Amino acid sequence: MNFNIRGAVIHNIHQMNDQELQQLVQDSIQQGDEKLLPGLGVIFEVIWQNSSTQEQAQMIETLQERLSTTQ
């Protein structure tokens, strides 16, 4: 059985307002449940695909900075 995670996540969140999306992301991160990681990945993919090259570079810079301080 194939399950389209991207499609399911987008279907479940496509009508959420800003506050609901923010709460979803915050709750998913705070819970630390690995089952939520694919959904966060889809959300990040949407953000990435709709970001400018400059915004993408800033995200990568932030990621590199934070990862280097957690090791």
N, C-alpha and C. Protein backbone atom coordinates (compact mmCIF):
# COMPACT_ATOMS: atom_id res chain seq x y z
N MET A 1 0.84 -1.18 0.00
CA MET A 1 0.00 0.00 0.00
C MET A 1 0.89 1.25 0.00
N ASN A 2 0.67 2.12 -0.95
CA ASN A 2 1.39 3.39 -1.01
C ASN A 2 0.59 4.47 -0.31
N PHE A 3 1.28 5.27 0.46
CA PHE A 3 0.63 6.37 1.17
C PHE A 3 1.37 7.65 0.83
N ASN A 4 0.68 8.61 0.27
CA ASN A 4 1.28 9.87 -0.14
C ASN A 4 1.33 10.81 1.06
N ILE A 5 2.46 10.83 1.76
CA ILE A 5 2.59 11.66 2.96
C ILE A 5 2.47 13.14 2.61
N ARG A 6 3.15 13.56 1.53
CA ARG A 6 3.08 14.98 1.13
C ARG A 6 1.63 15.41 0.91
N GLY A 7 0.94 14.62 0.13
CA GLY A 7 -0.45 14.95 -0.18
C GLY A 7 -1.33 14.99 1.06
N ALA A 8 -1.13 14.03 1.95
CA ALA A 8 -1.93 13.98 3.17
C ALA A 8 -1.65 15.18 4.07
N VAL A 9 -0.38 15.51 4.23
CA VAL A 9 -0.03 16.65 5.09
C VAL A 9 -0.59 17.94 4.50
N ILE A 10 -0.36 18.15 3.21
CA ILE A 10 -0.85 19.38 2.57
C ILE A 10 -2.37 19.45 2.65
N HIS A 11 -3.04 18.33 2.44
CA HIS A 11 -4.51 18.31 2.55
C HIS A 11 -4.96 18.70 3.96
N ASN A 12 -4.25 18.21 4.97
CA ASN A 12 -4.64 18.47 6.36
C ASN A 12 -4.36 19.90 6.82
N ILE A 13 -3.42 20.58 6.17
CA ILE A 13 -3.06 21.92 6.66
C ILE A 13 -3.41 23.05 5.70
N HIS A 14 -3.88 22.73 4.51
CA HIS A 14 -4.03 23.77 3.49
C HIS A 14 -5.01 24.89 3.86
N GLN A 15 -5.91 24.66 4.76
CA GLN A 15 -6.86 25.71 5.13
C GLN A 15 -6.57 26.32 6.50
N MET A 16 -5.44 25.99 7.09
CA MET A 16 -5.09 26.56 8.39
C MET A 16 -4.68 28.02 8.24
N ASN A 17 -5.02 28.81 9.25
CA ASN A 17 -4.58 30.20 9.25
C ASN A 17 -3.18 30.28 9.86
N ASP A 18 -2.62 31.50 9.88
CA ASP A 18 -1.25 31.69 10.38
C ASP A 18 -1.07 31.16 11.80
N GLN A 19 -2.02 31.48 12.67
CA GLN A 19 -1.92 31.07 14.07
C GLN A 19 -1.97 29.55 14.20
N GLU A 20 -2.85 28.91 13.45
CA GLU A 20 -2.96 27.46 13.51
C GLU A 20 -1.69 26.78 12.99
N LEU A 21 -1.11 27.32 11.92
CA LEU A 21 0.13 26.75 11.39
C LEU A 21 1.27 26.90 12.39
N GLN A 22 1.35 28.08 13.00
CA GLN A 22 2.40 28.30 13.99
C GLN A 22 2.24 27.34 15.16
N GLN A 23 1.03 27.17 15.63
CA GLN A 23 0.77 26.26 16.75
C GLN A 23 1.11 24.82 16.37
N LEU A 24 0.78 24.43 15.16
CA LEU A 24 1.08 23.08 14.69
C LEU A 24 2.59 22.83 14.71
N VAL A 25 3.35 23.77 14.18
CA VAL A 25 4.81 23.61 14.15
C VAL A 25 5.37 23.58 15.57
N GLN A 26 4.95 24.52 16.40
CA GLN A 26 5.46 24.57 17.77
C GLN A 26 5.12 23.31 18.55
N ASP A 27 3.88 22.86 18.44
CA ASP A 27 3.47 21.65 19.15
C ASP A 27 4.25 20.43 18.66
N SER A 28 4.43 20.33 17.35
CA SER A 28 5.15 19.18 16.79
C SER A 28 6.58 19.14 17.29
N ILE A 29 7.22 20.29 17.37
CA ILE A 29 8.60 20.35 17.84
C ILE A 29 8.67 20.06 19.34
N GLN A 30 7.78 20.65 20.11
CA GLN A 30 7.80 20.47 21.57
C GLN A 30 7.51 19.03 21.97
N GLN A 31 6.64 18.36 21.23
CA GLN A 31 6.31 16.98 21.57
C GLN A 31 7.49 16.05 21.34
N GLY A 32 8.34 16.38 20.38
CA GLY A 32 9.51 15.56 20.11
C GLY A 32 9.18 14.17 19.61
N ASP A 33 7.99 13.96 19.13
CA ASP A 33 7.56 12.65 18.65
C ASP A 33 8.06 12.45 17.22
N GLU A 34 8.84 11.42 17.00
CA GLU A 34 9.43 11.20 15.68
C GLU A 34 8.38 10.92 14.60
N LYS A 35 7.18 10.52 14.99
CA LYS A 35 6.12 10.31 14.00
C LYS A 35 5.74 11.61 13.31
N LEU A 36 6.04 12.74 13.95
CA LEU A 36 5.67 14.04 13.40
C LEU A 36 6.72 14.58 12.43
N LEU A 37 7.89 13.98 12.39
CA LEU A 37 8.98 14.48 11.55
C LEU A 37 8.64 14.52 10.05
N PRO A 38 7.97 13.51 9.50
CA PRO A 38 7.63 13.62 8.07
C PRO A 38 6.75 14.84 7.76
N GLY A 39 5.81 15.13 8.65
CA GLY A 39 4.96 16.31 8.45
C GLY A 39 5.75 17.60 8.49
N LEU A 40 6.67 17.69 9.45
CA LEU A 40 7.53 18.87 9.52
C LEU A 40 8.41 18.97 8.28
N GLY A 41 8.83 17.83 7.77
CA GLY A 41 9.62 17.82 6.55
C GLY A 41 8.85 18.36 5.36
N VAL A 42 7.58 17.99 5.26
CA VAL A 42 6.73 18.51 4.18
C VAL A 42 6.56 20.01 4.33
N ILE A 43 6.33 20.46 5.55
CA ILE A 43 6.18 21.90 5.80
C ILE A 43 7.46 22.64 5.41
N PHE A 44 8.61 22.09 5.78
CA PHE A 44 9.87 22.72 5.41
C PHE A 44 10.05 22.73 3.90
N GLU A 45 9.66 21.66 3.25
CA GLU A 45 9.77 21.59 1.78
C GLU A 45 8.97 22.71 1.13
N VAL A 46 7.76 22.95 1.61
CA VAL A 46 6.92 24.02 1.07
C VAL A 46 7.58 25.38 1.30
N ILE A 47 8.10 25.58 2.51
CA ILE A 47 8.79 26.84 2.82
C ILE A 47 9.99 27.01 1.89
N TRP A 48 10.80 25.97 1.75
CA TRP A 48 12.01 26.04 0.93
C TRP A 48 11.67 26.37 -0.52
N GLN A 49 10.69 25.67 -1.06
CA GLN A 49 10.32 25.86 -2.47
C GLN A 49 9.75 27.25 -2.74
N ASN A 50 9.27 27.91 -1.72
CA ASN A 50 8.66 29.22 -1.89
C ASN A 50 9.51 30.33 -1.29
N SER A 51 10.78 30.06 -1.08
CA SER A 51 11.72 31.04 -0.54
C SER A 51 12.68 31.49 -1.64
N SER A 52 13.13 32.71 -1.50
CA SER A 52 14.13 33.23 -2.44
C SER A 52 15.47 32.56 -2.17
N THR A 53 16.39 32.73 -3.10
CA THR A 53 17.73 32.19 -2.92
C THR A 53 18.38 32.77 -1.67
N GLN A 54 18.14 34.04 -1.43
CA GLN A 54 18.70 34.70 -0.23
C GLN A 54 18.10 34.10 1.04
N GLU A 55 16.80 33.87 1.05
CA GLU A 55 16.16 33.27 2.23
C GLU A 55 16.66 31.85 2.45
N GLN A 56 16.85 31.10 1.37
CA GLN A 56 17.38 29.74 1.49
C GLN A 56 18.78 29.76 2.08
N ALA A 57 19.61 30.69 1.61
CA ALA A 57 20.97 30.81 2.14
C ALA A 57 20.94 31.13 3.63
N GLN A 58 20.02 31.99 4.05
CA GLN A 58 19.90 32.34 5.46
C GLN A 58 19.47 31.13 6.29
N MET A 59 18.56 30.32 5.76
CA MET A 59 18.13 29.12 6.48
C MET A 59 19.30 28.15 6.65
N ILE A 60 20.08 27.97 5.59
CA ILE A 60 21.24 27.07 5.66
C ILE A 60 22.27 27.60 6.65
N GLU A 61 22.50 28.90 6.63
CA GLU A 61 23.44 29.51 7.57
C GLU A 61 22.99 29.29 9.02
N THR A 62 21.71 29.53 9.27
CA THR A 62 21.16 29.31 10.61
C THR A 62 21.30 27.85 11.02
N LEU A 63 20.98 26.95 10.11
CA LEU A 63 21.09 25.52 10.40
C LEU A 63 22.53 25.14 10.72
N GLN A 64 23.47 25.60 9.92
CA GLN A 64 24.88 25.29 10.17
C GLN A 64 25.33 25.84 11.52
N GLU A 65 24.94 27.06 11.84
CA GLU A 65 25.33 27.66 13.12
C GLU A 65 24.78 26.86 14.29
N ARG A 66 23.52 26.50 14.22
CA ARG A 66 22.88 25.79 15.33
C ARG A 66 23.42 24.38 15.48
N LEU A 67 23.68 23.71 14.36
CA LEU A 67 24.20 22.35 14.44
C LEU A 67 25.61 22.32 15.00
N SER A 68 26.39 23.33 14.69
CA SER A 68 27.78 23.36 15.18
C SER A 68 27.84 23.62 16.68
N THR A 69 26.81 24.23 17.24
CA THR A 69 26.80 24.51 18.68
C THR A 69 26.18 23.37 19.49
N THR A 70 25.56 22.40 18.83
CA THR A 70 24.92 21.30 19.55
C THR A 70 25.79 20.06 19.63
N GLN A 71 26.96 20.08 19.02
CA GLN A 71 27.81 18.89 19.01
C GLN A 71 28.75 18.88 20.17
